[in-house]
Amino acid sequence: MIDELKKVITQVEQLEINEQQEIAKMLTEEIMWHSTLENSQEKLQRLGEEALNEHALGNTKKSGW
């Protein structure tokens, strides 16, 4: 663990339990979000390629939004 993280954890340990729980929740959500983005890159690339191919084939239509 890096020193900066150790310092922050030491500071968090001094907070009230409800504040610790909120910080734990925020960190958990951040880790989950990072994992979601990391694991979705291939799928997003495939979807983008599929959309470009459909457009090149003329299978798309202009929308008002």
Protein backbone atom coordinates (compact mmCIF):
# COMPACT_ATOMS: atom_id res chain seq x y z
CA MET A 1 0.00 0.00 0.00
CA ILE A 2 1.35 3.44 -0.85
CA ASP A 3 2.16 5.90 1.93
CA GLU A 4 -0.48 8.42 0.84
CA LEU A 5 -3.20 5.81 1.14
CA LYS A 6 -1.93 4.71 4.55
CA LYS A 7 -2.09 8.34 5.76
CA VAL A 8 -5.64 8.76 4.51
CA ILE A 9 -6.77 5.51 6.12
CA THR A 10 -5.26 6.64 9.42
CA GLN A 11 -7.24 9.89 9.12
CA VAL A 12 -10.44 8.06 8.22
CA GLU A 13 -10.04 5.84 11.29
CA GLN A 14 -10.39 8.98 13.42
CA LEU A 15 -13.77 9.90 11.94
CA GLU A 16 -17.19 9.00 13.28
CA ILE A 17 -18.45 5.58 12.21
CA ASN A 18 -21.13 7.02 9.90
CA GLU A 19 -18.48 9.08 8.08
CA GLN A 20 -16.27 6.00 7.76
CA GLN A 21 -19.20 4.08 6.28
CA GLU A 22 -19.87 6.84 3.76
CA ILE A 23 -16.23 6.92 2.67
CA ALA A 24 -16.19 3.12 2.39
CA LYS A 25 -19.32 3.28 0.23
CA MET A 26 -17.77 5.93 -2.03
CA LEU A 27 -14.57 3.93 -2.47
CA THR A 28 -16.49 0.74 -3.20
CA GLU A 29 -18.61 2.50 -5.83
CA GLU A 30 -15.50 4.02 -7.42
CA ILE A 31 -13.80 0.61 -7.63
CA MET A 32 -16.94 -0.95 -9.12
CA TRP A 33 -17.27 1.88 -11.68
CA HIS A 34 -13.61 1.51 -12.67
CA SER A 35 -14.07 -2.24 -13.09
CA THR A 36 -17.22 -1.74 -15.18
CA LEU A 37 -15.45 0.66 -17.54
CA GLU A 38 -12.38 -1.52 -17.75
CA ASN A 39 -14.41 -4.61 -18.63
CA SER A 40 -16.66 -2.91 -21.19
CA GLN A 41 -14.08 -1.55 -23.65
CA GLU A 42 -14.20 -4.50 -26.05
CA LYS A 43 -18.00 -4.49 -26.12
CA LEU A 44 -18.12 -0.72 -26.70
CA GLN A 45 -15.61 -1.05 -29.52
CA ARG A 46 -17.67 -3.80 -31.19
CA LEU A 47 -20.85 -1.73 -30.89
CA GLY A 48 -19.10 1.29 -32.38
CA GLU A 49 -17.78 -0.74 -35.30
CA GLU A 50 -21.22 -2.22 -35.87
CA ALA A 51 -22.78 1.26 -35.93
CA LEU A 52 -20.17 2.54 -38.38
CA ASN A 53 -20.73 -0.47 -40.65
CA GLU A 54 -24.50 0.01 -40.60
CA HIS A 55 -24.05 3.68 -41.46
CA ALA A 56 -21.63 2.86 -44.31
CA LEU A 57 -24.19 0.41 -45.72
CA GLY A 58 -26.92 3.05 -45.58
CA ASN A 59 -28.87 1.20 -42.91
CA THR A 60 -29.21 4.23 -40.65
CA LYS A 61 -31.42 7.27 -40.84
CA LYS A 62 -31.01 10.81 -39.60
CA SER A 63 -32.78 11.54 -36.35
CA GLY A 64 -33.96 14.82 -34.87
CA TRP A 65 -31.88 14.49 -31.72
